[in-house]
């Protein structure tokens, strides 16, 4: 049997840990860079950011807030965006000014997309010079593995949630069957009709079907004859 969901690491913690490792390991694999930023968008507009230095986190936040810079450009293009020297760069003036103020002269951003997950890793250098050669090296491999791992985590958690829902349904089934039997006895109706009445009560009262069934079982159908008959007539 699969482990219970509550024993798993929270999704936000797991994602943050993977992003942090990606940024840290990317720096180790690229001696020419001074730091790295990893980002992810899983669903919705919110994007998580992990950086090896606070100044680099600010650079990423500015880009994501205004939608302008190497990170948005790489995501839009679906391919790496390389900047050899920000002193001669004429793209992204707002990002360029903040990056130069932070001492950054060069950067490259690698984007990765897998089944609704968007991951980027950006490497920064204090000196001018292309970092694009890192795309096909260890950093690219790390980023691909991280994206795959994040997707695997999401699918695993979805599977755990489905198992939990199925287990809840199985636990609820006996009381629902018992309640259906009571309704069948009160109204002298078929099983499908009895179940449909319970479901109608659930929908009209905005209560879970299992809760409605428990109430019927506790009352043993007493006091519900008129209501059940009315619902049977509506059906």
Protein backbone atom coordinates (compact mmCIF):
# COMPACT_ATOMS: atom_id res chain seq x y z
CA UNK A 1 0.00 0.00 0.00
CA UNK A 2 1.19 3.53 -0.74
CA UNK A 3 2.37 5.62 2.23
CA UNK A 4 -0.20 7.86 3.86
CA UNK A 5 -0.15 11.46 2.51
CA UNK A 6 0.51 12.98 5.92
CA UNK A 7 3.85 11.16 6.07
CA UNK A 8 5.06 12.92 2.94
CA UNK A 9 7.11 16.10 2.87
CA UNK A 10 4.84 19.12 2.21
CA UNK A 11 4.73 20.03 -1.48
CA UNK A 12 6.02 23.58 -0.97
CA UNK A 13 8.97 22.29 1.07
CA UNK A 14 9.81 19.59 -1.45
CA UNK A 15 9.69 22.05 -4.36
CA UNK A 16 11.78 24.65 -2.53
CA UNK A 17 14.35 21.99 -1.66
CA UNK A 18 14.68 20.84 -5.27
CA UNK A 19 15.01 24.43 -6.54
CA UNK A 20 17.59 25.27 -3.91
CA UNK A 21 19.66 22.21 -4.80
CA UNK A 22 19.43 23.09 -8.49
CA UNK A 23 20.74 26.60 -7.91
CA UNK A 24 23.52 25.49 -5.55
CA UNK A 25 24.70 22.58 -7.71
CA UNK A 26 24.59 24.71 -10.86
CA UNK A 27 27.06 27.14 -9.27
CA UNK A 28 29.37 24.28 -8.32
CA UNK A 29 29.26 22.96 -11.88
CA UNK A 30 30.04 26.36 -13.40
CA UNK A 31 33.12 27.96 -11.83
CA UNK A 32 32.84 30.91 -14.24
CA UNK A 33 29.58 32.09 -12.68
CA UNK A 34 29.11 33.99 -9.43
CA UNK A 35 25.63 32.74 -8.57
CA UNK A 36 22.43 31.17 -9.81
CA UNK A 37 18.65 31.53 -9.64
CA UNK A 38 16.10 28.76 -10.11
CA UNK A 39 12.39 29.41 -10.65
CA UNK A 40 9.27 27.32 -11.14
CA UNK A 41 5.68 27.89 -12.18
CA UNK A 42 3.49 24.88 -11.48
CA UNK A 43 -0.02 26.28 -11.81
CA UNK A 44 -1.40 29.79 -11.89
CA UNK A 45 0.57 33.01 -12.20
CA UNK A 46 2.65 32.59 -9.03
CA UNK A 47 6.32 31.66 -9.53
CA UNK A 48 8.68 30.38 -6.83
CA UNK A 49 12.22 31.74 -6.80
CA UNK A 50 15.37 30.36 -5.16
CA UNK A 51 18.70 32.18 -5.42
CA UNK A 52 22.21 31.64 -4.09
CA UNK A 53 22.45 35.35 -3.21
CA UNK A 54 19.78 37.91 -2.14
CA UNK A 55 20.79 40.37 -4.89
CA UNK A 56 20.17 37.71 -7.51
CA UNK A 57 16.76 36.97 -6.00
CA UNK A 58 15.91 40.65 -6.46
CA UNK A 59 17.01 40.48 -10.09
CA UNK A 60 14.67 37.55 -10.68
CA UNK A 61 11.78 39.22 -8.85
CA UNK A 62 12.08 42.37 -10.96
CA UNK A 63 11.96 40.34 -14.16
CA UNK A 64 8.94 38.32 -13.08
CA UNK A 65 7.09 41.40 -11.80
CA UNK A 66 7.49 43.42 -15.00
CA UNK A 67 7.58 40.49 -17.45
CA UNK A 68 10.79 41.77 -18.99
CA UNK A 69 14.28 40.27 -18.80
CA UNK A 70 16.19 37.09 -19.66
CA UNK A 71 13.86 34.82 -17.66
CA UNK A 72 10.59 35.92 -19.37
CA UNK A 73 12.39 36.04 -22.72
CA UNK A 74 13.71 32.48 -22.33
CA UNK A 75 10.25 31.21 -21.34
CA UNK A 76 8.62 32.99 -24.29
CA UNK A 77 11.21 31.70 -26.76
CA UNK A 78 11.45 28.23 -25.26
CA UNK A 79 15.23 28.30 -25.60
CA UNK A 80 18.28 29.64 -23.70
CA UNK A 81 18.88 33.39 -23.61
CA UNK A 82 22.51 34.45 -23.31
CA UNK A 83 23.89 37.89 -22.51
CA UNK A 84 27.64 38.21 -22.99
CA UNK A 85 28.03 41.74 -21.64
CA UNK A 86 25.30 43.85 -20.08
CA UNK A 87 27.32 47.01 -20.73
CA UNK A 88 26.60 46.63 -24.44
CA UNK A 89 23.16 45.03 -24.04
CA UNK A 90 20.21 47.03 -25.39
CA UNK A 91 17.43 44.69 -24.23
CA UNK A 92 15.57 44.94 -20.92
CA UNK A 93 16.75 48.41 -19.73
CA UNK A 94 15.22 48.08 -16.26
CA UNK A 95 16.77 44.67 -15.61
CA UNK A 96 20.06 45.76 -17.20
CA UNK A 97 20.43 48.77 -14.85
CA UNK A 98 19.69 46.71 -11.73
CA UNK A 99 22.02 43.91 -12.82
CA UNK A 100 24.93 46.26 -13.48
CA UNK A 101 24.29 47.95 -10.14
CA UNK A 102 24.62 44.50 -8.52
CA UNK A 103 27.92 43.90 -10.32
CA UNK A 104 26.53 41.39 -12.83
CA UNK A 105 28.04 41.62 -16.33
CA UNK A 106 26.86 38.42 -18.00
CA UNK A 107 24.09 35.84 -17.64
CA UNK A 108 22.38 32.92 -19.32
CA UNK A 109 18.89 31.52 -18.62
CA UNK A 110 17.81 27.97 -19.49
CA UNK A 111 14.06 27.23 -19.68
CA UNK A 112 12.43 23.80 -19.29
CA UNK A 113 8.77 22.83 -19.75
CA UNK A 114 7.17 19.50 -18.83
CA UNK A 115 3.43 18.86 -18.54
CA UNK A 116 2.44 22.24 -17.13
CA UNK A 117 5.64 22.81 -15.13
CA UNK A 118 7.96 25.65 -16.17
CA UNK A 119 11.46 25.68 -14.67
CA UNK A 120 14.29 28.09 -15.33
CA UNK A 121 17.86 28.23 -14.10
CA UNK A 122 19.88 31.41 -14.59
CA UNK A 123 23.64 31.72 -14.16
CA UNK A 124 25.34 35.06 -13.54
CA UNK A 125 28.91 36.25 -13.97
CA UNK A 126 30.85 39.25 -12.68
CA UNK A 127 32.89 39.31 -15.87
CA UNK A 128 31.77 39.68 -19.49
CA UNK A 129 31.80 36.59 -21.63
CA UNK A 130 29.29 34.06 -22.88
CA UNK A 131 28.00 31.43 -20.47
CA UNK A 132 26.04 29.69 -23.23
CA UNK A 133 28.47 26.75 -23.31
CA UNK A 134 26.98 25.69 -19.97
CA UNK A 135 23.65 24.90 -21.65
CA UNK A 136 24.78 21.50 -22.93
CA UNK A 137 26.92 20.72 -19.88
CA UNK A 138 26.17 19.58 -16.33
CA UNK A 139 23.89 22.55 -15.61
CA UNK A 140 21.54 21.60 -18.42
CA UNK A 141 21.46 18.01 -17.22
CA UNK A 142 20.77 19.09 -13.65
CA UNK A 143 17.91 21.33 -14.74
CA UNK A 144 16.32 18.57 -16.83
CA UNK A 145 16.57 16.12 -13.93
CA UNK A 146 15.08 18.68 -11.53
CA UNK A 147 12.15 19.36 -13.85
CA UNK A 148 11.53 15.63 -14.20
CA UNK A 149 11.73 15.21 -10.42
CA UNK A 150 9.24 18.02 -9.81
CA UNK A 151 6.83 16.48 -12.29
CA UNK A 152 7.26 13.08 -10.66
CA UNK A 153 6.55 14.63 -7.23
CA UNK A 154 3.37 16.25 -8.51
CA UNK A 155 2.10 13.03 -10.07
CA UNK A 156 2.94 11.05 -6.94
CA UNK A 157 1.04 13.46 -4.72
CA UNK A 158 -1.91 13.37 -7.11
CA UNK A 159 -1.86 9.56 -6.89
CA UNK A 160 -1.80 9.73 -3.07
CA UNK A 161 -4.76 12.13 -3.10
CA UNK A 162 -6.68 9.77 -5.37
CA UNK A 163 -5.92 6.82 -3.08
CA UNK A 164 -7.13 8.82 -0.09
CA UNK A 165 -10.37 9.70 -1.91
CA UNK A 166 -10.92 6.05 -2.83
CA UNK A 167 -10.29 4.93 0.75
CA UNK A 168 -12.74 7.55 2.01
CA UNK A 169 -15.33 6.34 -0.49
CA UNK A 170 -14.80 2.73 0.59
CA UNK A 171 -15.20 3.66 4.26
CA UNK A 172 -18.39 5.58 3.46
CA UNK A 173 -19.97 2.89 1.30
CA UNK A 174 -21.42 0.68 4.09
CA UNK A 175 -23.34 3.53 5.73
CA UNK A 176 -24.58 4.74 2.33
CA UNK A 177 -25.82 1.24 1.53
CA UNK A 178 -27.51 1.05 4.92
CA UNK A 179 -29.21 4.42 4.40
CA UNK A 180 -30.35 3.35 0.93
CA UNK A 181 -31.90 0.26 2.49
CA UNK A 182 -33.83 2.42 4.96
CA UNK A 183 -35.10 4.69 2.17
CA UNK A 184 -36.11 1.61 0.14
CA UNK A 185 -38.09 0.33 3.14
CA UNK A 186 -39.79 3.68 3.85
CA UNK A 187 -40.77 4.35 0.24
CA UNK A 188 -40.97 0.78 -1.04
CA UNK A 189 -38.72 1.81 -3.93
CA UNK A 190 -35.82 0.32 -5.87
CA UNK A 191 -32.17 0.66 -4.84
CA UNK A 192 -31.32 3.10 -7.65
CA UNK A 193 -34.22 5.35 -6.65
CA UNK A 194 -33.18 5.30 -2.99
CA UNK A 195 -29.59 6.20 -3.82
CA UNK A 196 -30.78 9.00 -6.11
CA UNK A 197 -32.86 10.47 -3.28
CA UNK A 198 -29.87 10.47 -0.92
CA UNK A 199 -27.78 12.16 -3.59
CA UNK A 200 -30.46 14.80 -4.17
CA UNK A 201 -30.58 15.59 -0.44
CA UNK A 202 -26.79 15.88 -0.46
CA UNK A 203 -26.84 18.34 -3.35
CA UNK A 204 -29.71 20.45 -2.05
CA UNK A 205 -28.30 20.76 1.45
CA UNK A 206 -24.66 21.08 0.31
CA UNK A 207 -23.64 18.21 2.58
CA UNK A 208 -21.48 15.21 1.86
CA UNK A 209 -23.38 12.10 0.79
CA UNK A 210 -21.81 10.13 3.65
CA UNK A 211 -23.04 12.74 6.18
CA UNK A 212 -26.58 12.58 4.79
CA UNK A 213 -26.48 8.77 4.96
CA UNK A 214 -25.31 8.83 8.58
CA UNK A 215 -28.19 11.15 9.50
CA UNK A 216 -30.72 8.82 7.86
CA UNK A 217 -29.22 5.81 9.63
CA UNK A 218 -29.24 7.55 13.02
CA UNK A 219 -32.91 8.51 12.57
CA UNK A 220 -33.69 5.06 11.12
CA UNK A 221 -35.89 6.87 8.62
CA UNK A 222 -38.28 8.17 11.30
CA UNK A 223 -39.58 11.68 10.65
CA UNK A 224 -38.30 11.61 7.08
CA UNK A 225 -41.26 9.95 5.40
CA UNK A 226 -42.85 13.12 4.00
CA UNK A 227 -39.55 14.62 2.86
CA UNK A 228 -38.43 11.39 1.20
CA UNK A 229 -41.81 10.98 -0.48
CA UNK A 230 -41.64 14.53 -1.82
CA UNK A 231 -38.16 13.92 -3.22
CA UNK A 232 -39.29 10.67 -4.76
CA UNK A 233 -42.13 12.59 -6.43
CA UNK A 234 -39.66 15.19 -7.76
CA UNK A 235 -37.59 12.43 -9.31
